[in-house]
Amino acid sequence: MSLDEAESYIENYLNNLPDETVDELCKKMCAWKDNVLTDCYPDMKCPDGLLDA
């Protein structure tokens, strides 16, 4: 995907997602990051309160 395509996708689709969808995606990505990074870097976790932000 080119930079122009990515910017267009973000502008036209991702920026128009409902807030609830964005919140759910953020929670899932943070949980995924925790699972992946704790295996490689045990000291890295989502900061307290980030999921509630």
Protein backbone atom coordinates (compact mmCIF):
# COMPACT_ATOMS: atom_id res chain seq x y z
CA MET A 1 0.00 0.00 0.00
CA SER A 2 1.41 3.36 -0.94
CA LEU A 3 1.52 6.31 1.44
CA ASP A 4 -1.23 8.05 -0.54
CA GLU A 5 -3.44 4.96 -0.31
CA ALA A 6 -2.82 4.65 3.42
CA GLU A 7 -3.60 8.32 4.05
CA SER A 8 -6.78 8.06 1.98
CA TYR A 9 -7.85 4.93 3.86
CA ILE A 10 -7.28 6.61 7.22
CA GLU A 11 -9.05 9.80 6.18
CA ASN A 12 -12.03 8.14 4.52
CA TYR A 13 -12.57 5.05 6.66
CA LEU A 14 -10.73 4.91 9.95
CA ASN A 15 -11.50 8.51 10.89
CA ASN A 16 -15.20 7.81 10.34
CA LEU A 17 -15.49 4.81 12.65
CA PRO A 18 -17.86 5.22 15.59
CA ASP A 19 -16.20 6.09 18.92
CA GLU A 20 -17.28 2.74 20.39
CA THR A 21 -15.45 0.87 17.63
CA VAL A 22 -12.29 2.92 18.12
CA ASP A 23 -12.45 2.29 21.89
CA GLU A 24 -12.83 -1.46 21.35
CA LEU A 25 -9.95 -1.53 18.84
CA CYS A 26 -7.71 0.36 21.28
CA LYS A 27 -8.50 -2.11 24.08
CA LYS A 28 -7.79 -5.08 21.83
CA MET A 29 -4.54 -3.59 20.53
CA CYS A 30 -3.33 -2.78 24.03
CA ALA A 31 -4.10 -6.35 25.17
CA TRP A 32 -2.35 -7.73 22.07
CA LYS A 33 0.67 -5.52 22.72
CA ASP A 34 0.83 -6.68 26.32
CA ASN A 35 0.77 -10.34 25.25
CA VAL A 36 3.43 -9.89 22.58
CA LEU A 37 5.75 -7.55 24.45
CA THR A 38 5.61 -9.35 27.80
CA ASP A 39 7.10 -12.39 26.11
CA CYS A 40 10.03 -10.36 24.72
CA TYR A 41 10.20 -7.46 27.19
CA PRO A 42 8.67 -8.40 30.56
CA ASP A 43 8.98 -4.82 31.88
CA MET A 44 6.71 -3.33 29.16
CA LYS A 45 2.98 -3.16 29.93
CA CYS A 46 0.10 -0.79 29.25
CA PRO A 47 0.37 2.02 31.81
CA ASP A 48 -2.25 1.95 34.54
CA GLY A 49 -5.34 3.82 33.41
CA LEU A 50 -4.55 3.71 29.69
CA LEU A 51 -7.42 1.36 28.90
CA ASP A 52 -9.78 3.74 30.72
CA ALA A 53 -8.50 6.80 28.84
